[in-house]
Amino acid sequence: MKGMEIWHNPRCSKSRAAKQRLDDANIDYTERRYLDDAPSAEELDHVLKLLGKEPWEIARTKEAAYPKLLEHDRAQWIAHMVANPSLIERPIIIDGDKAHIER
């Protein structure tokens, strides 16, 4: 990933607020509507490493697709999140070798 990128859901107020802060600061970034353009397993794994998190640590637990019985198997979680991107907490801002969840 090059430059700043925001994984964004325009229906989420926190996501819209984060995007607005970037716009207000005149920061150049790429917007990725990750529900429509889901990350690949490799992309999600990379972002998780930048966040210093495991997939179950950034999962939205109230989503219907939340895997209540899934063991802490990183590869299984990543595959499940790629297939169900609504599970990914948002917004995620990626800037070079750093990333954070804007909450």
PDB file of N, CA and C in Angstrom:
ATOM      1  N   MET A   1       0.837  -1.169   0.000  1.00  0.00           N
ATOM      2  CA  MET A   1       0.000   0.000   0.000  1.00  0.00           C
ATOM      3  C   MET A   1       0.887   1.238   0.000  1.00  0.00           C
ATOM      4  N   LYS A   2       0.529   2.175  -0.845  1.00  0.00           N
ATOM      5  CA  LYS A   2       1.314   3.398  -0.931  1.00  0.00           C
ATOM      6  C   LYS A   2       0.460   4.570  -0.493  1.00  0.00           C
ATOM      7  N   GLY A   3       1.073   5.512   0.204  1.00  0.00           N
ATOM      8  CA  GLY A   3       0.334   6.665   0.676  1.00  0.00           C
ATOM      9  C   GLY A   3      -0.648   6.287   1.772  1.00  0.00           C
ATOM     10  N   MET A   4      -1.419   7.264   2.187  1.00  0.00           N
ATOM     11  CA  MET A   4      -2.400   7.024   3.241  1.00  0.00           C
ATOM     12  C   MET A   4      -3.668   6.449   2.627  1.00  0.00           C
ATOM     13  N   GLU A   5      -4.252   5.513   3.354  1.00  0.00           N
ATOM     14  CA  GLU A   5      -5.493   4.884   2.911  1.00  0.00           C
ATOM     15  C   GLU A   5      -6.430   4.763   4.105  1.00  0.00           C
ATOM     16  N   ILE A   6      -7.720   4.969   3.869  1.00  0.00           N
ATOM     17  CA  ILE A   6      -8.712   4.768   4.916  1.00  0.00           C
ATOM     18  C   ILE A   6      -9.684   3.692   4.452  1.00  0.00           C
ATOM     19  N   TRP A   7      -9.830   2.660   5.285  1.00  0.00           N
ATOM     20  CA  TRP A   7     -10.852   1.639   5.047  1.00  0.00           C
ATOM     21  C   TRP A   7     -12.109   2.187   5.690  1.00  0.00           C
ATOM     22  N   HIS A   8     -13.094   2.458   4.875  1.00  0.00           N
ATOM     23  CA  HIS A   8     -14.199   3.337   5.240  1.00  0.00           C
ATOM     24  C   HIS A   8     -15.548   2.711   4.916  1.00  0.00           C
ATOM     25  N   ASN A   9     -16.512   2.948   5.796  1.00  0.00           N
ATOM     26  CA  ASN A   9     -17.909   2.604   5.548  1.00  0.00           C
ATOM     27  C   ASN A   9     -18.690   3.909   5.659  1.00  0.00           C
ATOM     28  N   PRO A  10     -19.203   4.439   4.546  1.00  0.00           N
ATOM     29  CA  PRO A  10     -19.874   5.732   4.590  1.00  0.00           C
ATOM     30  C   PRO A  10     -21.149   5.753   5.438  1.00  0.00           C
ATOM     31  N   ARG A  11     -21.663   4.602   5.818  1.00  0.00           N
ATOM     32  CA  ARG A  11     -22.857   4.563   6.675  1.00  0.00           C
ATOM     33  C   ARG A  11     -22.507   4.625   8.159  1.00  0.00           C
ATOM     34  N   CYS A  12     -21.226   4.591   8.484  1.00  0.00           N
ATOM     35  CA  CYS A  12     -20.775   4.605   9.880  1.00  0.00           C
ATOM     36  C   CYS A  12     -20.391   6.034  10.277  1.00  0.00           C
ATOM     37  N   SER A  13     -20.965   6.528  11.363  1.00  0.00           N
ATOM     38  CA  SER A  13     -20.685   7.906  11.786  1.00  0.00           C
ATOM     39  C   SER A  13     -19.219   8.102  12.172  1.00  0.00           C
ATOM     40  N   LYS A  14     -18.611   7.130  12.830  1.00  0.00           N
ATOM     41  CA  LYS A  14     -17.198   7.257  13.218  1.00  0.00           C
ATOM     42  C   LYS A  14     -16.305   7.255  11.976  1.00  0.00           C
ATOM     43  N   SER A  15     -16.682   6.464  10.996  1.00  0.00           N
ATOM     44  CA  SER A  15     -15.935   6.409   9.753  1.00  0.00           C
ATOM     45  C   SER A  15     -16.055   7.738   8.992  1.00  0.00           C
ATOM     46  N   ARG A  16     -17.259   8.271   8.932  1.00  0.00           N
ATOM     47  CA  ARG A  16     -17.460   9.570   8.275  1.00  0.00           C
ATOM     48  C   ARG A  16     -16.692  10.667   8.997  1.00  0.00           C
ATOM     49  N   ALA A  17     -16.690  10.625  10.326  1.00  0.00           N
ATOM     50  CA  ALA A  17     -15.971  11.641  11.107  1.00  0.00           C
ATOM     51  C   ALA A  17     -14.465  11.562  10.858  1.00  0.00           C
ATOM     52  N   ALA A  18     -13.920  10.360  10.786  1.00  0.00           N
ATOM     53  CA  ALA A  18     -12.483  10.200  10.522  1.00  0.00           C
ATOM     54  C   ALA A  18     -12.137  10.732   9.140  1.00  0.00           C
ATOM     55  N   LYS A  19     -12.964  10.412   8.162  1.00  0.00           N
ATOM     56  CA  LYS A  19     -12.746  10.902   6.803  1.00  0.00           C
ATOM     57  C   LYS A  19     -12.820  12.431   6.775  1.00  0.00           C
ATOM     58  N   GLN A  20     -13.767  12.999   7.503  1.00  0.00           N
ATOM     59  CA  GLN A  20     -13.907  14.457   7.551  1.00  0.00           C
ATOM     60  C   GLN A  20     -12.671  15.114   8.177  1.00  0.00           C
ATOM     61  N   ARG A  21     -12.114  14.494   9.222  1.00  0.00           N
ATOM     62  CA  ARG A  21     -10.888  15.034   9.840  1.00  0.00           C
ATOM     63  C   ARG A  21      -9.737  15.046   8.837  1.00  0.00           C
ATOM     64  N   LEU A  22      -9.622  13.995   8.043  1.00  0.00           N
ATOM     65  CA  LEU A  22      -8.575  13.966   7.017  1.00  0.00           C
ATOM     66  C   LEU A  22      -8.815  15.064   5.986  1.00  0.00           C
ATOM     67  N   ASP A  23     -10.072  15.207   5.562  1.00  0.00           N
ATOM     68  CA  ASP A  23     -10.404  16.257   4.588  1.00  0.00           C
ATOM     69  C   ASP A  23     -10.130  17.648   5.156  1.00  0.00           C
ATOM     70  N   ASP A  24     -10.540  17.880   6.404  1.00  0.00           N
ATOM     71  CA  ASP A  24     -10.338  19.190   7.033  1.00  0.00           C
ATOM     72  C   ASP A  24      -8.859  19.535   7.165  1.00  0.00           C
ATOM     73  N   ALA A  25      -8.025  18.517   7.333  1.00  0.00           N
ATOM     74  CA  ALA A  25      -6.581  18.726   7.465  1.00  0.00           C
ATOM     75  C   ALA A  25      -5.881  18.734   6.101  1.00  0.00           C
ATOM     76  N   ASN A  26      -6.668  18.646   5.023  1.00  0.00           N
ATOM     77  CA  ASN A  26      -6.123  18.612   3.656  1.00  0.00           C
ATOM     78  C   ASN A  26      -5.100  17.502   3.465  1.00  0.00           C
ATOM     79  N   ILE A  27      -5.365  16.358   4.064  1.00  0.00           N
ATOM     80  CA  ILE A  27      -4.479  15.201   3.927  1.00  0.00           C
ATOM     81  C   ILE A  27      -4.912  14.400   2.712  1.00  0.00           C
ATOM     82  N   ASP A  28      -3.949  14.079   1.873  1.00  0.00           N
ATOM     83  CA  ASP A  28      -4.215  13.283   0.678  1.00  0.00           C
ATOM     84  C   ASP A  28      -4.290  11.811   1.077  1.00  0.00           C
ATOM     85  N   TYR A  29      -5.326  11.134   0.663  1.00  0.00           N
ATOM     86  CA  TYR A  29      -5.512   9.725   1.012  1.00  0.00           C
ATOM     87  C   TYR A  29      -6.358   9.040  -0.055  1.00  0.00           C
ATOM     88  N   THR A  30      -6.330   7.732  -0.009  1.00  0.00           N
ATOM     89  CA  THR A  30      -7.187   6.910  -0.854  1.00  0.00           C
ATOM     90  C   THR A  30      -8.291   6.344   0.017  1.00  0.00           C
ATOM     91  N   GLU A  31      -9.511   6.471  -0.453  1.00  0.00           N
ATOM     92  CA  GLU A  31     -10.658   5.926   0.273  1.00  0.00           C
ATOM     93  C   GLU A  31     -10.961   4.528  -0.258  1.00  0.00           C
ATOM     94  N   ARG A  32     -11.064   3.588   0.648  1.00  0.00           N
ATOM     95  CA  ARG A  32     -11.438   2.229   0.264  1.00  0.00           C
ATOM     96  C   ARG A  32     -12.724   1.866   0.996  1.00  0.00           C
ATOM     97  N   ARG A  33     -13.769   1.702   0.256  1.00  0.00           N
ATOM     98  CA  ARG A  33     -15.041   1.262   0.835  1.00  0.00           C
ATOM     99  C   ARG A  33     -14.966  -0.254   0.944  1.00  0.00           C
ATOM    100  N   TYR A  34     -14.440  -0.678   2.063  1.00  0.00           N
ATOM    101  CA  TYR A  34     -14.040  -2.071   2.215  1.00  0.00           C
ATOM    102  C   TYR A  34     -15.197  -3.062   2.217  1.00  0.00           C
ATOM    103  N   LEU A  35     -16.426  -2.606   2.395  1.00  0.00           N
ATOM    104  CA  LEU A  35     -17.563  -3.524   2.279  1.00  0.00           C
ATOM    105  C   LEU A  35     -17.818  -3.876   0.817  1.00  0.00           C
ATOM    106  N   ASP A  36     -17.520  -2.933  -0.083  1.00  0.00           N
ATOM    107  CA  ASP A  36     -17.680  -3.153  -1.521  1.00  0.00           C
ATOM    108  C   ASP A  36     -16.408  -3.697  -2.159  1.00  0.00           C
ATOM    109  N   ASP A  37     -15.281  -3.381  -1.577  1.00  0.00           N
ATOM    110  CA  ASP A  37     -13.963  -3.778  -2.092  1.00  0.00           C
ATOM    111  C   ASP A  37     -13.197  -4.435  -0.945  1.00  0.00           C
ATOM    112  N   ALA A  38     -13.609  -5.657  -0.618  1.00  0.00           N
ATOM    113  CA  ALA A  38     -13.040  -6.363   0.538  1.00  0.00           C
ATOM    114  C   ALA A  38     -11.542  -6.595   0.354  1.00  0.00           C
ATOM    115  N   PRO A  39     -10.789  -6.485   1.440  1.00  0.00           N
ATOM    116  CA  PRO A  39      -9.357  -6.776   1.337  1.00  0.00           C
ATOM    117  C   PRO A  39      -9.134  -8.259   1.079  1.00  0.00           C
ATOM    118  N   SER A  40      -8.013  -8.553   0.458  1.00  0.00           N
ATOM    119  CA  SER A  40      -7.612  -9.954   0.301  1.00  0.00           C
ATOM    120  C   SER A  40      -7.082 -10.447   1.644  1.00  0.00           C
ATOM    121  N   ALA A  41      -6.898 -11.735   1.753  1.00  0.00           N
ATOM    122  CA  ALA A  41      -6.328 -12.302   2.978  1.00  0.00           C
ATOM    123  C   ALA A  41      -4.947 -11.708   3.238  1.00  0.00           C
ATOM    124  N   GLU A  42      -4.168 -11.531   2.176  1.00  0.00           N
ATOM    125  CA  GLU A  42      -2.821 -10.978   2.327  1.00  0.00           C
ATOM    126  C   GLU A  42      -2.878  -9.528   2.804  1.00  0.00           C
ATOM    127  N   GLU A  43      -3.794  -8.742   2.244  1.00  0.00           N
ATOM    128  CA  GLU A  43      -3.925  -7.343   2.667  1.00  0.00           C
ATOM    129  C   GLU A  43      -4.360  -7.250   4.124  1.00  0.00           C
ATOM    130  N   LEU A  44      -5.351  -8.047   4.502  1.00  0.00           N
ATOM    131  CA  LEU A  44      -5.825  -8.006   5.883  1.00  0.00           C
ATOM    132  C   LEU A  44      -4.730  -8.457   6.841  1.00  0.00           C
ATOM    133  N   ASP A  45      -4.007  -9.499   6.487  1.00  0.00           N
ATOM    134  CA  ASP A  45      -2.910  -9.975   7.330  1.00  0.00           C
ATOM    135  C   ASP A  45      -1.862  -8.874   7.505  1.00  0.00           C
ATOM    136  N   HIS A  46      -1.538  -8.187   6.422  1.00  0.00           N
ATOM    137  CA  HIS A  46      -0.555  -7.096   6.486  1.00  0.00           C
ATOM    138  C   HIS A  46      -1.035  -5.979   7.416  1.00  0.00           C
ATOM    139  N   VAL A  47      -2.294  -5.576   7.270  1.00  0.00           N
ATOM    140  CA  VAL A  47      -2.834  -4.505   8.113  1.00  0.00           C
ATOM    141  C   VAL A  47      -2.881  -4.946   9.572  1.00  0.00           C
ATOM    142  N   LEU A  48      -3.240  -6.186   9.823  1.00  0.00           N
ATOM    143  CA  LEU A  48      -3.236  -6.695  11.201  1.00  0.00           C
ATOM    144  C   LEU A  48      -1.841  -6.602  11.808  1.00  0.00           C
ATOM    145  N   LYS A  49      -0.828  -6.923  11.022  1.00  0.00           N
ATOM    146  CA  LYS A  49       0.555  -6.821  11.518  1.00  0.00           C
ATOM    147  C   LYS A  49       0.913  -5.366  11.816  1.00  0.00           C
ATOM    148  N   LEU A  50       0.471  -4.441  10.947  1.00  0.00           N
ATOM    149  CA  LEU A  50       0.729  -3.018  11.196  1.00  0.00           C
ATOM    150  C   LEU A  50       0.014  -2.545  12.458  1.00  0.00           C
ATOM    151  N   LEU A  51      -1.183  -3.070  12.683  1.00  0.00           N
ATOM    152  CA  LEU A  51      -1.948  -2.712  13.883  1.00  0.00           C
ATOM    153  C   LEU A  51      -1.391  -3.368  15.143  1.00  0.00           C
ATOM    154  N   GLY A  52      -0.636  -4.470  14.963  1.00  0.00           N
ATOM    155  CA  GLY A  52      -0.169  -5.239  16.114  1.00  0.00           C
ATOM    156  C   GLY A  52      -1.318  -5.975  16.789  1.00  0.00           C
ATOM    157  N   LYS A  53      -2.277  -6.419  15.978  1.00  0.00           N
ATOM    158  CA  LYS A  53      -3.483  -7.067  16.501  1.00  0.00           C
ATOM    159  C   LYS A  53      -3.711  -8.419  15.829  1.00  0.00           C
ATOM    160  N   GLU A  54      -4.489  -9.229  16.502  1.00  0.00           N
ATOM    161  CA  GLU A  54      -4.981 -10.474  15.925  1.00  0.00           C
ATOM    162  C   GLU A  54      -6.365 -10.189  15.341  1.00  0.00           C
ATOM    163  N   PRO A  55      -6.810 -10.995  14.383  1.00  0.00           N
ATOM    164  CA  PRO A  55      -8.096 -10.700  13.747  1.00  0.00           C
ATOM    165  C   PRO A  55      -9.269 -10.646  14.719  1.00  0.00           C
ATOM    166  N   TRP A  56      -9.299 -11.517  15.696  1.00  0.00           N
ATOM    167  CA  TRP A  56     -10.412 -11.518  16.657  1.00  0.00           C
ATOM    168  C   TRP A  56     -10.407 -10.280  17.542  1.00  0.00           C
ATOM    169  N   GLU A  57      -9.266  -9.560  17.577  1.00  0.00           N
ATOM    170  CA  GLU A  57      -9.191  -8.335  18.374  1.00  0.00           C
ATOM    171  C   GLU A  57      -9.819  -7.133  17.664  1.00  0.00           C
ATOM    172  N   ILE A  58      -9.998  -7.240  16.348  1.00  0.00           N
ATOM    173  CA  ILE A  58     -10.611  -6.132  15.614  1.00  0.00           C
ATOM    174  C   ILE A  58     -11.957  -6.541  15.021  1.00  0.00           C
ATOM    175  N   ALA A  59     -12.507  -7.631  15.482  1.00  0.00           N
ATOM    176  CA  ALA A  59     -13.791  -8.110  14.962  1.00  0.00           C
ATOM    177  C   ALA A  59     -14.947  -7.381  15.635  1.00  0.00           C
ATOM    178  N   ARG A  60     -15.929  -7.053  14.845  1.00  0.00           N
ATOM    179  CA  ARG A  60     -17.158  -6.430  15.348  1.00  0.00           C
ATOM    180  C   ARG A  60     -18.047  -7.547  15.890  1.00  0.00           C
ATOM    181  N   THR A  61     -18.093  -7.664  17.188  1.00  0.00           N
ATOM    182  CA  THR A  61     -18.735  -8.814  17.842  1.00  0.00           C
ATOM    183  C   THR A  61     -20.252  -8.831  17.715  1.00  0.00           C
ATOM    184  N   LYS A  62     -20.855  -7.712  17.377  1.00  0.00           N
ATOM    185  CA  LYS A  62     -22.319  -7.677  17.274  1.00  0.00           C
ATOM    186  C   LYS A  62     -22.828  -7.975  15.869  1.00  0.00           C
ATOM    187  N   GLU A  63     -21.918  -8.195  14.935  1.00  0.00           N
ATOM    188  CA  GLU A  63     -22.326  -8.530  13.573  1.00  0.00           C
ATOM    189  C   GLU A  63     -22.871  -9.954  13.532  1.00  0.00           C
ATOM    190  N   ALA A  64     -23.861 -10.176  12.679  1.00  0.00           N
ATOM    191  CA  ALA A  64     -24.469 -11.509  12.553  1.00  0.00           C
ATOM    192  C   ALA A  64     -23.443 -12.558  12.130  1.00  0.00           C
ATOM    193  N   ALA A  65     -22.449 -12.146  11.350  1.00  0.00           N
ATOM    194  CA  ALA A  65     -21.446 -13.092  10.856  1.00  0.00           C
ATOM    195  C   ALA A  65     -20.348 -13.392  11.875  1.00  0.00           C
ATOM    196  N   TYR A  66     -20.426 -12.783  13.075  1.00  0.00           N
ATOM    197  CA  TYR A  66     -19.386 -13.016  14.081  1.00  0.00           C
ATOM    198  C   TYR A  66     -19.333 -14.501  14.433  1.00  0.00           C
ATOM    199  N   PRO A  67     -18.153 -15.103  14.296  1.00  0.00           N
ATOM    200  CA  PRO A  67     -18.012 -16.550  14.524  1.00  0.00           C
ATOM    201  C   PRO A  67     -17.854 -16.887  16.004  1.00  0.00           C
ATOM    202  N   LYS A  68     -18.932 -17.073  16.678  1.00  0.00           N
ATOM    203  CA  LYS A  68     -18.905 -17.292  18.124  1.00  0.00           C
ATOM    204  C   LYS A  68     -18.109 -18.529  18.548  1.00  0.00           C
ATOM    205  N   LEU A  69     -18.050 -19.532  17.714  1.00  0.00           N
ATOM    206  CA  LEU A  69     -17.394 -20.779  18.104  1.00  0.00           C
ATOM    207  C   LEU A  69     -16.043 -20.990  17.428  1.00  0.00           C
ATOM    208  N   LEU A  70     -15.586 -20.034  16.649  1.00  0.00           N
ATOM    209  CA  LEU A  70     -14.320 -20.178  15.940  1.00  0.00           C
ATOM    210  C   LEU A  70     -13.153 -20.071  16.916  1.00  0.00           C
ATOM    211  N   GLU A  71     -12.268 -21.039  16.870  1.00  0.00           N
ATOM    212  CA  GLU A  71     -11.070 -21.002  17.713  1.00  0.00           C
ATOM    213  C   GLU A  71     -10.177 -19.837  17.275  1.00  0.00           C
ATOM    214  N   HIS A  72      -9.195 -19.541  18.083  1.00  0.00           N
ATOM    215  CA  HIS A  72      -8.262 -18.470  17.739  1.00  0.00           C
ATOM    216  C   HIS A  72      -7.226 -18.983  16.746  1.00  0.00           C
ATOM    217  N   ASP A  73      -7.696 -19.298  15.563  1.00  0.00           N
ATOM    218  CA  ASP A  73      -6.850 -19.721  14.455  1.00  0.00           C
ATOM    219  C   ASP A  73      -6.781 -18.539  13.484  1.00  0.00           C
ATOM    220  N   ARG A  74      -5.633 -17.906  13.439  1.00  0.00           N
ATOM    221  CA  ARG A  74      -5.463 -16.668  12.665  1.00  0.00           C
ATOM    222  C   ARG A  74      -5.912 -16.818  11.216  1.00  0.00           C
ATOM    223  N   ALA A  75      -5.488 -17.879  10.548  1.00  0.00           N
ATOM    224  CA  ALA A  75      -5.827 -18.063   9.133  1.00  0.00           C
ATOM    225  C   ALA A  75      -7.335 -18.225   8.936  1.00  0.00           C
ATOM    226  N   GLN A  76      -7.992 -18.974   9.823  1.00  0.00           N
ATOM    227  CA  GLN A  76      -9.447 -19.148   9.713  1.00  0.00           C
ATOM    228  C   GLN A  76     -10.166 -17.820   9.925  1.00  0.00           C
ATOM    229  N   TRP A  77      -9.740 -17.068  10.906  1.00  0.00           N
ATOM    230  CA  TRP A  77     -10.365 -15.775  11.180  1.00  0.00           C
ATOM    231  C   TRP A  77     -10.190 -14.831   9.992  1.00  0.00           C
ATOM    232  N   ILE A  78      -8.984 -14.771   9.451  1.00  0.00           N
ATOM    233  CA  ILE A  78      -8.734 -13.882   8.313  1.00  0.00           C
ATOM    234  C   ILE A  78      -9.620 -14.279   7.142  1.00  0.00           C
ATOM    235  N   ALA A  79      -9.691 -15.564   6.838  1.00  0.00           N
ATOM    236  CA  ALA A  79     -10.538 -16.031   5.737  1.00  0.00           C
ATOM    237  C   ALA A  79     -11.998 -15.653   5.981  1.00  0.00           C
ATOM    238  N   HIS A  80     -12.451 -15.819   7.212  1.00  0.00           N
ATOM    239  CA  HIS A  80     -13.843 -15.495   7.546  1.00  0.00           C
ATOM    240  C   HIS A  80     -14.100 -13.992   7.433  1.00  0.00           C
ATOM    241  N   MET A  81     -13.137 -13.180   7.829  1.00  0.00           N
ATOM    242  CA  MET A  81     -13.300 -11.729   7.751  1.00  0.00           C
ATOM    243  C   MET A  81     -13.251 -11.234   6.306  1.00  0.00           C
ATOM    244  N   VAL A  82     -12.441 -11.861   5.481  1.00  0.00           N
ATOM    245  CA  VAL A  82     -12.388 -11.496   4.069  1.00  0.00           C
ATOM    246  C   VAL A  82     -13.729 -11.822   3.404  1.00  0.00           C
ATOM    247  N   ALA A  83     -14.311 -12.962   3.773  1.00  0.00           N
ATOM    248  CA  ALA A  83     -15.615 -13.356   3.224  1.00  0.00           C
ATOM    249  C   ALA A  83     -16.756 -12.520   3.802  1.00  0.00           C
ATOM    250  N   ASN A  84     -16.544 -11.948   4.977  1.00  0.00           N
ATOM    251  CA  ASN A  84     -17.560 -11.151   5.682  1.00  0.00           C
ATOM    252  C   ASN A  84     -16.927  -9.851   6.177  1.00  0.00           C
ATOM    253  N   PRO A  85     -16.606  -8.922   5.262  1.00  0.00           N
ATOM    254  CA  PRO A  85     -15.858  -7.728   5.667  1.00  0.00           C
ATOM    255  C   PRO A  85     -16.579  -6.840   6.682  1.00  0.00           C
ATOM    256  N   SER A  86     -17.879  -7.028   6.868  1.00  0.00           N
ATOM    257  CA  SER A  86     -18.582  -6.233   7.886  1.00  0.00           C
ATOM    258  C   SER A  86     -18.054  -6.533   9.283  1.00  0.00           C
ATOM    259  N   LEU A  87     -17.324  -7.633   9.433  1.00  0.00           N
ATOM    260  CA  LEU A  87     -16.727  -7.987  10.723  1.00  0.00           C
ATOM    261  C   LEU A  87     -15.534  -7.106  11.089  1.00  0.00           C
ATOM    262  N   ILE A  88     -14.942  -6.459  10.097  1.00  0.00           N
ATOM    263  CA  ILE A  88     -13.727  -5.673  10.329  1.00  0.00           C
ATOM    264  C   ILE A  88     -14.095  -4.337  10.975  1.00  0.00           C
ATOM    265  N   GLU A  89     -13.493  -4.065  12.125  1.00  0.00           N
ATOM    266  CA  GLU A  89     -13.720  -2.784  12.810  1.00  0.00           C
ATOM    267  C   GLU A  89     -13.285  -1.653  11.896  1.00  0.00           C
ATOM    268  N   ARG A  90     -13.936  -0.522  12.032  1.00  0.00           N
ATOM    269  CA  ARG A  90     -13.685   0.600  11.139  1.00  0.00           C
ATOM    270  C   ARG A  90     -13.728   1.905  11.916  1.00  0.00           C
ATOM    271  N   PRO A  91     -13.200   2.922  11.318  1.00  0.00           N
ATOM    272  CA  PRO A  91     -12.359   2.952  10.134  1.00  0.00           C
ATOM    273  C   PRO A  91     -10.912   2.611  10.485  1.00  0.00           C
ATOM    274  N   ILE A  92     -10.216   2.077   9.529  1.00  0.00           N
ATOM    275  CA  ILE A  92      -8.789   1.801   9.701  1.00  0.00           C
ATOM    276  C   ILE A  92      -8.037   2.770   8.801  1.00  0.00           C
ATOM    277  N   ILE A  93      -7.085   3.460   9.389  1.00  0.00           N
ATOM    278  CA  ILE A  93      -6.234   4.373   8.626  1.00  0.00           C
ATOM    279  C   ILE A  93      -4.853   3.748   8.537  1.00  0.00           C
ATOM    280  N   ILE A  94      -4.387   3.613   7.303  1.00  0.00           N
ATOM    281  CA  ILE A  94      -3.087   3.006   7.032  1.00  0.00           C
ATOM    282  C   ILE A  94      -2.203   4.092   6.440  1.00  0.00           C
ATOM    283  N   ASP A  95      -1.034   4.265   7.030  1.00  0.00           N
ATOM    284  CA  ASP A  95      -0.108   5.293   6.570  1.00  0.00           C
ATOM    285  C   ASP A  95       1.293   4.702   6.579  1.00  0.00           C
ATOM    286  N   GLY A  96       1.715   4.226   5.416  1.00  0.00           N
ATOM    287  CA  GLY A  96       3.039   3.620   5.307  1.00  0.00           C
ATOM    288  C   GLY A  96       3.150   2.368   6.140  1.00  0.00           C
ATOM    289  N   ASP A  97       4.060   2.396   7.115  1.00  0.00           N
ATOM    290  CA  ASP A  97       4.287   1.208   7.947  1.00  0.00           C
ATOM    291  C   ASP A  97       3.534   1.285   9.273  1.00  0.00           C
ATOM    292  N   LYS A  98       2.490   2.129   9.321  1.00  0.00           N
ATOM    293  CA  LYS A  98       1.673   2.268  10.531  1.00  0.00           C
ATOM    294  C   LYS A  98       0.202   2.162  10.162  1.00  0.00           C
ATOM    295  N   ALA A  99      -0.574   1.703  11.118  1.00  0.00           N
ATOM    296  CA  ALA A  99      -2.027   1.680  10.941  1.00  0.00           C
ATOM    297  C   ALA A  99      -2.669   1.836  12.305  1.00  0.00           C
ATOM    298  N   HIS A 100      -3.865   2.381  12.312  1.00  0.00           N
ATOM    299  CA  HIS A 100      -4.622   2.455  13.557  1.00  0.00           C
ATOM    300  C   HIS A 100      -6.115   2.471  13.249  1.00  0.00           C
ATOM    301  N   ILE A 101      -6.864   2.030  14.228  1.00  0.00           N
ATOM    302  CA  ILE A 101      -8.315   2.080  14.129  1.00  0.00           C
ATOM    303  C   ILE A 101      -8.732   3.407  14.737  1.00  0.00           C
ATOM    304  N   GLU A 102      -9.425   4.181  13.971  1.00  0.00           N
ATOM    305  CA  GLU A 102      -9.810   5.538  14.374  1.00  0.00           C
ATOM    306  C   GLU A 102     -11.101   5.484  15.190  1.00  0.00           C
ATOM    307  N   ARG A 103     -10.976   5.189  16.465  1.00  0.00           N
ATOM    308  CA  ARG A 103     -12.144   5.109  17.362  1.00  0.00           C
ATOM    309  C   ARG A 103     -11.962   6.069  18.495  1.00  0.00           C
TER     310      ARG A 103
END
